[in-house]
Amino acid sequence: MNSIPDRILRQSSDPSLRVTVRIGKSGSTDAIVAELEDQLKTRELVKVKANRGIAGDSQERDAIFSSLASESKSRLVFQRGNVAVFWSGK
């Protein structure tokens, strides 16, 4: 597996990167995955924010974000609390 470039790691943790996908109370749906895939076609990094109420603890959030990464064929490069950043790998 290729390592993630330092440039991507720096950009992913930058607070100025805006949230462009939000996961609501219905959780990670096919529409969320499709939106993430669409955005990754035109953007290198996509920031996703999950509502606090959809996951009971950090393990559930980790599972949601890992699932999103595998379903969208992207890489999870940064996660803090209920925010995650996905990289297209290009």
PDB file of N, CA and C in Angstrom:
ATOM      1  N   MET A   1       0.846  -1.179   0.000  1.00  0.00           N
ATOM      2  CA  MET A   1       0.000   0.000   0.000  1.00  0.00           C
ATOM      3  C   MET A   1       0.891   1.240   0.000  1.00  0.00           C
ATOM      4  N   ASN A   2       0.587   2.171  -0.844  1.00  0.00           N
ATOM      5  CA  ASN A   2       1.395   3.384  -0.947  1.00  0.00           C
ATOM      6  C   ASN A   2       1.200   4.260   0.273  1.00  0.00           C
ATOM      7  N   SER A   3       2.261   4.961   0.634  1.00  0.00           N
ATOM      8  CA  SER A   3       2.132   5.890   1.754  1.00  0.00           C
ATOM      9  C   SER A   3       1.454   7.171   1.267  1.00  0.00           C
ATOM     10  N   ILE A   4       0.910   7.886   2.211  1.00  0.00           N
ATOM     11  CA  ILE A   4       0.211   9.130   1.899  1.00  0.00           C
ATOM     12  C   ILE A   4       1.233  10.261   1.875  1.00  0.00           C
ATOM     13  N   PRO A   5       1.270  11.064   0.812  1.00  0.00           N
ATOM     14  CA  PRO A   5       2.241  12.165   0.728  1.00  0.00           C
ATOM     15  C   PRO A   5       2.068  13.169   1.868  1.00  0.00           C
ATOM     16  N   ASP A   6       3.176  13.751   2.297  1.00  0.00           N
ATOM     17  CA  ASP A   6       3.147  14.744   3.376  1.00  0.00           C
ATOM     18  C   ASP A   6       2.241  15.921   3.035  1.00  0.00           C
ATOM     19  N   ARG A   7       2.239  16.319   1.787  1.00  0.00           N
ATOM     20  CA  ARG A   7       1.403  17.436   1.333  1.00  0.00           C
ATOM     21  C   ARG A   7      -0.077  17.147   1.617  1.00  0.00           C
ATOM     22  N   ILE A   8      -0.504  15.931   1.360  1.00  0.00           N
ATOM     23  CA  ILE A   8      -1.896  15.536   1.599  1.00  0.00           C
ATOM     24  C   ILE A   8      -2.190  15.518   3.093  1.00  0.00           C
ATOM     25  N   LEU A   9      -1.270  15.013   3.881  1.00  0.00           N
ATOM     26  CA  LEU A   9      -1.460  14.977   5.333  1.00  0.00           C
ATOM     27  C   LEU A   9      -1.585  16.383   5.910  1.00  0.00           C
ATOM     28  N   ARG A  10      -0.757  17.301   5.425  1.00  0.00           N
ATOM     29  CA  ARG A  10      -0.839  18.692   5.896  1.00  0.00           C
ATOM     30  C   ARG A  10      -2.169  19.331   5.502  1.00  0.00           C
ATOM     31  N   GLN A  11      -2.567  19.147   4.252  1.00  0.00           N
ATOM     32  CA  GLN A  11      -3.815  19.745   3.780  1.00  0.00           C
ATOM     33  C   GLN A  11      -5.028  19.159   4.501  1.00  0.00           C
ATOM     34  N   SER A  12      -4.985  17.868   4.799  1.00  0.00           N
ATOM     35  CA  SER A  12      -6.143  17.221   5.423  1.00  0.00           C
ATOM     36  C   SER A  12      -6.385  17.703   6.843  1.00  0.00           C
ATOM     37  N   SER A  13      -5.337  18.112   7.539  1.00  0.00           N
ATOM     38  CA  SER A  13      -5.511  18.582   8.915  1.00  0.00           C
ATOM     39  C   SER A  13      -5.665  20.102   9.006  1.00  0.00           C
ATOM     40  N   ASP A  14      -5.670  20.777   7.870  1.00  0.00           N
ATOM     41  CA  ASP A  14      -5.819  22.233   7.842  1.00  0.00           C
ATOM     42  C   ASP A  14      -7.269  22.616   8.168  1.00  0.00           C
ATOM     43  N   PRO A  15      -7.475  23.444   9.185  1.00  0.00           N
ATOM     44  CA  PRO A  15      -8.843  23.834   9.558  1.00  0.00           C
ATOM     45  C   PRO A  15      -9.591  24.605   8.473  1.00  0.00           C
ATOM     46  N   SER A  16      -8.880  25.185   7.521  1.00  0.00           N
ATOM     47  CA  SER A  16      -9.559  25.957   6.476  1.00  0.00           C
ATOM     48  C   SER A  16     -10.223  25.060   5.422  1.00  0.00           C
ATOM     49  N   LEU A  17      -9.911  23.765   5.425  1.00  0.00           N
ATOM     50  CA  LEU A  17     -10.586  22.835   4.516  1.00  0.00           C
ATOM     51  C   LEU A  17     -12.046  22.735   4.957  1.00  0.00           C
ATOM     52  N   ARG A  18     -12.948  23.044   4.055  1.00  0.00           N
ATOM     53  CA  ARG A  18     -14.372  23.108   4.409  1.00  0.00           C
ATOM     54  C   ARG A  18     -15.049  21.739   4.330  1.00  0.00           C
ATOM     55  N   VAL A  19     -16.032  21.551   5.199  1.00  0.00           N
ATOM     56  CA  VAL A  19     -16.867  20.351   5.171  1.00  0.00           C
ATOM     57  C   VAL A  19     -17.769  20.440   3.945  1.00  0.00           C
ATOM     58  N   THR A  20     -17.750  19.400   3.103  1.00  0.00           N
ATOM     59  CA  THR A  20     -18.584  19.417   1.905  1.00  0.00           C
ATOM     60  C   THR A  20     -19.610  18.291   1.899  1.00  0.00           C
ATOM     61  N   VAL A  21     -19.482  17.330   2.816  1.00  0.00           N
ATOM     62  CA  VAL A  21     -20.462  16.246   2.941  1.00  0.00           C
ATOM     63  C   VAL A  21     -20.829  16.126   4.414  1.00  0.00           C
ATOM     64  N   ARG A  22     -22.130  16.059   4.674  1.00  0.00           N
ATOM     65  CA  ARG A  22     -22.603  15.893   6.058  1.00  0.00           C
ATOM     66  C   ARG A  22     -23.429  14.620   6.158  1.00  0.00           C
ATOM     67  N   ILE A  23     -23.159  13.857   7.212  1.00  0.00           N
ATOM     68  CA  ILE A  23     -23.919  12.638   7.473  1.00  0.00           C
ATOM     69  C   ILE A  23     -24.966  12.978   8.525  1.00  0.00           C
ATOM     70  N   GLY A  24     -26.232  12.862   8.157  1.00  0.00           N
ATOM     71  CA  GLY A  24     -27.327  13.227   9.048  1.00  0.00           C
ATOM     72  C   GLY A  24     -27.810  12.071   9.893  1.00  0.00           C
ATOM     73  N   LYS A  25     -29.011  12.227  10.433  1.00  0.00           N
ATOM     74  CA  LYS A  25     -29.538  11.243  11.373  1.00  0.00           C
ATOM     75  C   LYS A  25     -29.824   9.893  10.732  1.00  0.00           C
ATOM     76  N   SER A  26     -29.964   9.833   9.410  1.00  0.00           N
ATOM     77  CA  SER A  26     -30.195   8.547   8.749  1.00  0.00           C
ATOM     78  C   SER A  26     -28.903   7.765   8.552  1.00  0.00           C
ATOM     79  N   GLY A  27     -27.777   8.355   8.898  1.00  0.00           N
ATOM     80  CA  GLY A  27     -26.494   7.649   8.848  1.00  0.00           C
ATOM     81  C   GLY A  27     -25.887   7.609   7.458  1.00  0.00           C
ATOM     82  N   SER A  28     -24.961   6.693   7.295  1.00  0.00           N
ATOM     83  CA  SER A  28     -24.243   6.544   6.032  1.00  0.00           C
ATOM     84  C   SER A  28     -25.121   5.784   5.042  1.00  0.00           C
ATOM     85  N   THR A  29     -25.710   6.505   4.102  1.00  0.00           N
ATOM     86  CA  THR A  29     -26.607   5.900   3.121  1.00  0.00           C
ATOM     87  C   THR A  29     -25.902   5.798   1.771  1.00  0.00           C
ATOM     88  N   ASP A  30     -26.575   5.158   0.822  1.00  0.00           N
ATOM     89  CA  ASP A  30     -26.030   5.068  -0.535  1.00  0.00           C
ATOM     90  C   ASP A  30     -25.857   6.454  -1.148  1.00  0.00           C
ATOM     91  N   ALA A  31     -26.739   7.376  -0.796  1.00  0.00           N
ATOM     92  CA  ALA A  31     -26.637   8.746  -1.315  1.00  0.00           C
ATOM     93  C   ALA A  31     -25.369   9.436  -0.802  1.00  0.00           C
ATOM     94  N   ILE A  32     -25.004   9.179   0.448  1.00  0.00           N
ATOM     95  CA  ILE A  32     -23.778   9.760   1.016  1.00  0.00           C
ATOM     96  C   ILE A  32     -22.562   9.206   0.282  1.00  0.00           C
ATOM     97  N   VAL A  33     -22.555   7.895   0.058  1.00  0.00           N
ATOM     98  CA  VAL A  33     -21.436   7.259  -0.651  1.00  0.00           C
ATOM     99  C   VAL A  33     -21.339   7.808  -2.072  1.00  0.00           C
ATOM    100  N   ALA A  34     -22.475   7.932  -2.748  1.00  0.00           N
ATOM    101  CA  ALA A  34     -22.482   8.457  -4.119  1.00  0.00           C
ATOM    102  C   ALA A  34     -21.970   9.892  -4.158  1.00  0.00           C
ATOM    103  N   GLU A  35     -22.385  10.713  -3.197  1.00  0.00           N
ATOM    104  CA  GLU A  35     -21.927  12.107  -3.144  1.00  0.00           C
ATOM    105  C   GLU A  35     -20.425  12.176  -2.895  1.00  0.00           C
ATOM    106  N   LEU A  36     -19.933  11.337  -1.998  1.00  0.00           N
ATOM    107  CA  LEU A  36     -18.494  11.303  -1.720  1.00  0.00           C
ATOM    108  C   LEU A  36     -17.719  10.890  -2.968  1.00  0.00           C
ATOM    109  N   GLU A  37     -18.196   9.867  -3.669  1.00  0.00           N
ATOM    110  CA  GLU A  37     -17.539   9.428  -4.902  1.00  0.00           C
ATOM    111  C   GLU A  37     -17.533  10.539  -5.949  1.00  0.00           C
ATOM    112  N   ASP A  38     -18.666  11.227  -6.110  1.00  0.00           N
ATOM    113  CA  ASP A  38     -18.757  12.323  -7.087  1.00  0.00           C
ATOM    114  C   ASP A  38     -17.775  13.439  -6.763  1.00  0.00           C
ATOM    115  N   GLN A  39     -17.706  13.816  -5.496  1.00  0.00           N
ATOM    116  CA  GLN A  39     -16.795  14.895  -5.114  1.00  0.00           C
ATOM    117  C   GLN A  39     -15.338  14.482  -5.269  1.00  0.00           C
ATOM    118  N   LEU A  40     -15.034  13.214  -5.020  1.00  0.00           N
ATOM    119  CA  LEU A  40     -13.650  12.751  -5.159  1.00  0.00           C
ATOM    120  C   LEU A  40     -13.195  12.722  -6.618  1.00  0.00           C
ATOM    121  N   LYS A  41     -14.140  12.747  -7.552  1.00  0.00           N
ATOM    122  CA  LYS A  41     -13.780  12.804  -8.969  1.00  0.00           C
ATOM    123  C   LYS A  41     -13.200  14.165  -9.334  1.00  0.00           C
ATOM    124  N   THR A  42     -13.648  15.215  -8.636  1.00  0.00           N
ATOM    125  CA  THR A  42     -13.203  16.565  -8.976  1.00  0.00           C
ATOM    126  C   THR A  42     -12.315  17.198  -7.913  1.00  0.00           C
ATOM    127  N   ARG A  43     -12.333  16.654  -6.711  1.00  0.00           N
ATOM    128  CA  ARG A  43     -11.540  17.205  -5.607  1.00  0.00           C
ATOM    129  C   ARG A  43     -10.592  16.130  -5.097  1.00  0.00           C
ATOM    130  N   GLU A  44      -9.431  16.548  -4.698  1.00  0.00           N
ATOM    131  CA  GLU A  44      -8.458  15.594  -4.167  1.00  0.00           C
ATOM    132  C   GLU A  44      -8.820  15.169  -2.744  1.00  0.00           C
ATOM    133  N   LEU A  45      -9.302  16.129  -1.949  1.00  0.00           N
ATOM    134  CA  LEU A  45      -9.677  15.871  -0.560  1.00  0.00           C
ATOM    135  C   LEU A  45     -11.131  16.265  -0.336  1.00  0.00           C
ATOM    136  N   VAL A  46     -11.841  15.436   0.421  1.00  0.00           N
ATOM    137  CA  VAL A  46     -13.225  15.732   0.777  1.00  0.00           C
ATOM    138  C   VAL A  46     -13.367  15.576   2.282  1.00  0.00           C
ATOM    139  N   LYS A  47     -13.901  16.620   2.906  1.00  0.00           N
ATOM    140  CA  LYS A  47     -14.091  16.615   4.357  1.00  0.00           C
ATOM    141  C   LYS A  47     -15.542  16.258   4.669  1.00  0.00           C
ATOM    142  N   VAL A  48     -15.711  15.273   5.550  1.00  0.00           N
ATOM    143  CA  VAL A  48     -17.030  14.763   5.907  1.00  0.00           C
ATOM    144  C   VAL A  48     -17.256  14.978   7.397  1.00  0.00           C
ATOM    145  N   LYS A  49     -18.448  15.435   7.735  1.00  0.00           N
ATOM    146  CA  LYS A  49     -18.796  15.623   9.145  1.00  0.00           C
ATOM    147  C   LYS A  49     -20.033  14.797   9.456  1.00  0.00           C
ATOM    148  N   ALA A  50     -19.974  14.041  10.547  1.00  0.00           N
ATOM    149  CA  ALA A  50     -21.104  13.227  10.982  1.00  0.00           C
ATOM    150  C   ALA A  50     -21.781  13.898  12.165  1.00  0.00           C
ATOM    151  N   ASN A  51     -23.111  13.892  12.166  1.00  0.00           N
ATOM    152  CA  ASN A  51     -23.840  14.404  13.325  1.00  0.00           C
ATOM    153  C   ASN A  51     -23.426  13.614  14.558  1.00  0.00           C
ATOM    154  N   ARG A  52     -23.327  14.289  15.666  1.00  0.00           N
ATOM    155  CA  ARG A  52     -22.893  13.636  16.901  1.00  0.00           C
ATOM    156  C   ARG A  52     -23.816  12.499  17.319  1.00  0.00           C
ATOM    157  N   GLY A  53     -25.081  12.594  17.019  1.00  0.00           N
ATOM    158  CA  GLY A  53     -26.043  11.605  17.477  1.00  0.00           C
ATOM    159  C   GLY A  53     -26.050  10.290  16.722  1.00  0.00           C
ATOM    160  N   ILE A  54     -25.366  10.193  15.582  1.00  0.00           N
ATOM    161  CA  ILE A  54     -25.470   8.957  14.801  1.00  0.00           C
ATOM    162  C   ILE A  54     -24.579   7.843  15.312  1.00  0.00           C
ATOM    163  N   ALA A  55     -23.583   8.171  16.109  1.00  0.00           N
ATOM    164  CA  ALA A  55     -22.679   7.145  16.633  1.00  0.00           C
ATOM    165  C   ALA A  55     -22.608   7.282  18.148  1.00  0.00           C
ATOM    166  N   GLY A  56     -22.759   6.163  18.819  1.00  0.00           N
ATOM    167  CA  GLY A  56     -22.742   6.188  20.269  1.00  0.00           C
ATOM    168  C   GLY A  56     -21.372   6.446  20.854  1.00  0.00           C
ATOM    169  N   ASP A  57     -20.338   5.964  20.185  1.00  0.00           N
ATOM    170  CA  ASP A  57     -18.982   6.153  20.706  1.00  0.00           C
ATOM    171  C   ASP A  57     -17.991   6.245  19.552  1.00  0.00           C
ATOM    172  N   SER A  58     -16.729   6.391  19.905  1.00  0.00           N
ATOM    173  CA  SER A  58     -15.696   6.581  18.879  1.00  0.00           C
ATOM    174  C   SER A  58     -15.519   5.341  18.007  1.00  0.00           C
ATOM    175  N   GLN A  59     -15.755   4.161  18.546  1.00  0.00           N
ATOM    176  CA  GLN A  59     -15.614   2.944  17.742  1.00  0.00           C
ATOM    177  C   GLN A  59     -16.661   2.891  16.634  1.00  0.00           C
ATOM    178  N   GLU A  60     -17.868   3.329  16.944  1.00  0.00           N
ATOM    179  CA  GLU A  60     -18.915   3.365  15.917  1.00  0.00           C
ATOM    180  C   GLU A  60     -18.583   4.389  14.836  1.00  0.00           C
ATOM    181  N   ARG A  61     -18.063   5.553  15.230  1.00  0.00           N
ATOM    182  CA  ARG A  61     -17.642   6.564  14.241  1.00  0.00           C
ATOM    183  C   ARG A  61     -16.519   6.016  13.373  1.00  0.00           C
ATOM    184  N   ASP A  62     -15.549   5.350  13.998  1.00  0.00           N
ATOM    185  CA  ASP A  62     -14.453   4.751  13.232  1.00  0.00           C
ATOM    186  C   ASP A  62     -14.997   3.773  12.200  1.00  0.00           C
ATOM    187  N   ALA A  63     -15.971   2.964  12.603  1.00  0.00           N
ATOM    188  CA  ALA A  63     -16.561   1.980  11.693  1.00  0.00           C
ATOM    189  C   ALA A  63     -17.288   2.667  10.542  1.00  0.00           C
ATOM    190  N   ILE A  64     -18.008   3.745  10.838  1.00  0.00           N
ATOM    191  CA  ILE A  64     -18.731   4.482   9.793  1.00  0.00           C
ATOM    192  C   ILE A  64     -17.749   5.067   8.783  1.00  0.00           C
ATOM    193  N   PHE A  65     -16.696   5.717   9.271  1.00  0.00           N
ATOM    194  CA  PHE A  65     -15.727   6.339   8.368  1.00  0.00           C
ATOM    195  C   PHE A  65     -14.931   5.291   7.585  1.00  0.00           C
ATOM    196  N   SER A  66     -14.583   4.179   8.214  1.00  0.00           N
ATOM    197  CA  SER A  66     -13.872   3.106   7.505  1.00  0.00           C
ATOM    198  C   SER A  66     -14.751   2.515   6.412  1.00  0.00           C
ATOM    199  N   SER A  67     -16.020   2.340   6.725  1.00  0.00           N
ATOM    200  CA  SER A  67     -16.966   1.818   5.748  1.00  0.00           C
ATOM    201  C   SER A  67     -17.109   2.772   4.560  1.00  0.00           C
ATOM    202  N   LEU A  68     -17.195   4.065   4.843  1.00  0.00           N
ATOM    203  CA  LEU A  68     -17.275   5.061   3.770  1.00  0.00           C
ATOM    204  C   LEU A  68     -16.048   4.999   2.868  1.00  0.00           C
ATOM    205  N   ALA A  69     -14.880   4.857   3.472  1.00  0.00           N
ATOM    206  CA  ALA A  69     -13.642   4.796   2.689  1.00  0.00           C
ATOM    207  C   ALA A  69     -13.638   3.581   1.770  1.00  0.00           C
ATOM    208  N   SER A  70     -14.032   2.426   2.288  1.00  0.00           N
ATOM    209  CA  SER A  70     -14.000   1.225   1.456  1.00  0.00           C
ATOM    210  C   SER A  70     -15.075   1.267   0.372  1.00  0.00           C
ATOM    211  N   GLU A  71     -16.263   1.770   0.699  1.00  0.00           N
ATOM    212  CA  GLU A  71     -17.338   1.831  -0.291  1.00  0.00           C
ATOM    213  C   GLU A  71     -17.054   2.852  -1.390  1.00  0.00           C
ATOM    214  N   SER A  72     -16.367   3.926  -1.061  1.00  0.00           N
ATOM    215  CA  SER A  72     -16.080   4.968  -2.056  1.00  0.00           C
ATOM    216  C   SER A  72     -14.721   4.773  -2.725  1.00  0.00           C
ATOM    217  N   LYS A  73     -14.018   3.724  -2.332  1.00  0.00           N
ATOM    218  CA  LYS A  73     -12.682   3.415  -2.880  1.00  0.00           C
ATOM    219  C   LYS A  73     -11.723   4.591  -2.694  1.00  0.00           C
ATOM    220  N   SER A  74     -11.788   5.183  -1.511  1.00  0.00           N
ATOM    221  CA  SER A  74     -10.903   6.290  -1.164  1.00  0.00           C
ATOM    222  C   SER A  74     -10.103   5.900   0.070  1.00  0.00           C
ATOM    223  N   ARG A  75      -9.276   6.822   0.521  1.00  0.00           N
ATOM    224  CA  ARG A  75      -8.472   6.559   1.722  1.00  0.00           C
ATOM    225  C   ARG A  75      -8.807   7.582   2.790  1.00  0.00           C
ATOM    226  N   LEU A  76      -8.993   7.090   3.992  1.00  0.00           N
ATOM    227  CA  LEU A  76      -9.229   7.948   5.143  1.00  0.00           C
ATOM    228  C   LEU A  76      -7.868   8.458   5.597  1.00  0.00           C
ATOM    229  N   VAL A  77      -7.622   9.769   5.452  1.00  0.00           N
ATOM    230  CA  VAL A  77      -6.296  10.307   5.765  1.00  0.00           C
ATOM    231  C   VAL A  77      -6.251  11.109   7.054  1.00  0.00           C
ATOM    232  N   PHE A  78      -7.421  11.497   7.569  1.00  0.00           N
ATOM    233  CA  PHE A  78      -7.450  12.283   8.801  1.00  0.00           C
ATOM    234  C   PHE A  78      -8.798  12.093   9.464  1.00  0.00           C
ATOM    235  N   GLN A  79      -8.766  11.928  10.776  1.00  0.00           N
ATOM    236  CA  GLN A  79     -10.013  11.827  11.526  1.00  0.00           C
ATOM    237  C   GLN A  79      -9.812  12.429  12.901  1.00  0.00           C
ATOM    238  N   ARG A  80     -10.740  13.287  13.273  1.00  0.00           N
ATOM    239  CA  ARG A  80     -10.732  13.854  14.621  1.00  0.00           C
ATOM    240  C   ARG A  80     -12.185  14.014  15.036  1.00  0.00           C
ATOM    241  N   GLY A  81     -12.578  13.293  16.058  1.00  0.00           N
ATOM    242  CA  GLY A  81     -13.956  13.366  16.529  1.00  0.00           C
ATOM    243  C   GLY A  81     -14.931  12.923  15.462  1.00  0.00           C
ATOM    244  N   ASN A  82     -15.881  13.781  15.145  1.00  0.00           N
ATOM    245  CA  ASN A  82     -16.900  13.432  14.159  1.00  0.00           C
ATOM    246  C   ASN A  82     -16.602  14.005  12.768  1.00  0.00           C
ATOM    247  N   VAL A  83     -15.333  14.315  12.510  1.00  0.00           N
ATOM    248  CA  VAL A  83     -14.907  14.850  11.215  1.00  0.00           C
ATOM    249  C   VAL A  83     -13.830  13.939  10.628  1.00  0.00           C
ATOM    250  N   ALA A  84     -13.964  13.660   9.331  1.00  0.00           N
ATOM    251  CA  ALA A  84     -12.975  12.832   8.641  1.00  0.00           C
ATOM    252  C   ALA A  84     -12.676  13.440   7.276  1.00  0.00           C
ATOM    253  N   VAL A  85     -11.458  13.194   6.790  1.00  0.00           N
ATOM    254  CA  VAL A  85     -11.057  13.677   5.469  1.00  0.00           C
ATOM    255  C   VAL A  85     -10.654  12.470   4.630  1.00  0.00           C
ATOM    256  N   PHE A  86     -11.212  12.410   3.427  1.00  0.00           N
ATOM    257  CA  PHE A  86     -10.951  11.308   2.505  1.00  0.00           C
ATOM    258  C   PHE A  86     -10.136  11.818   1.322  1.00  0.00           C
ATOM    259  N   TRP A  87      -9.232  10.972   0.848  1.00  0.00           N
ATOM    260  CA  TRP A  87      -8.339  11.310  -0.264  1.00  0.00           C
ATOM    261  C   TRP A  87      -8.647  10.393  -1.432  1.00  0.00           C
ATOM    262  N   SER A  88      -8.683  10.967  -2.613  1.00  0.00           N
ATOM    263  CA  SER A  88      -8.980  10.187  -3.817  1.00  0.00           C
ATOM    264  C   SER A  88      -7.837   9.248  -4.184  1.00  0.00           C
ATOM    265  N   GLY A  89      -6.641   9.542  -3.716  1.00  0.00           N
ATOM    266  CA  GLY A  89      -5.492   8.690  -4.013  1.00  0.00           C
ATOM    267  C   GLY A  89      -4.829   9.014  -5.331  1.00  0.00           C
ATOM    268  N   LYS A  90      -5.245  10.114  -5.960  1.00  0.00           N
ATOM    269  CA  LYS A  90      -4.685  10.487  -7.268  1.00  0.00           C
ATOM    270  C   LYS A  90      -3.494  11.390  -7.096  1.00  0.00           C
TER     271      LYS A  90
END
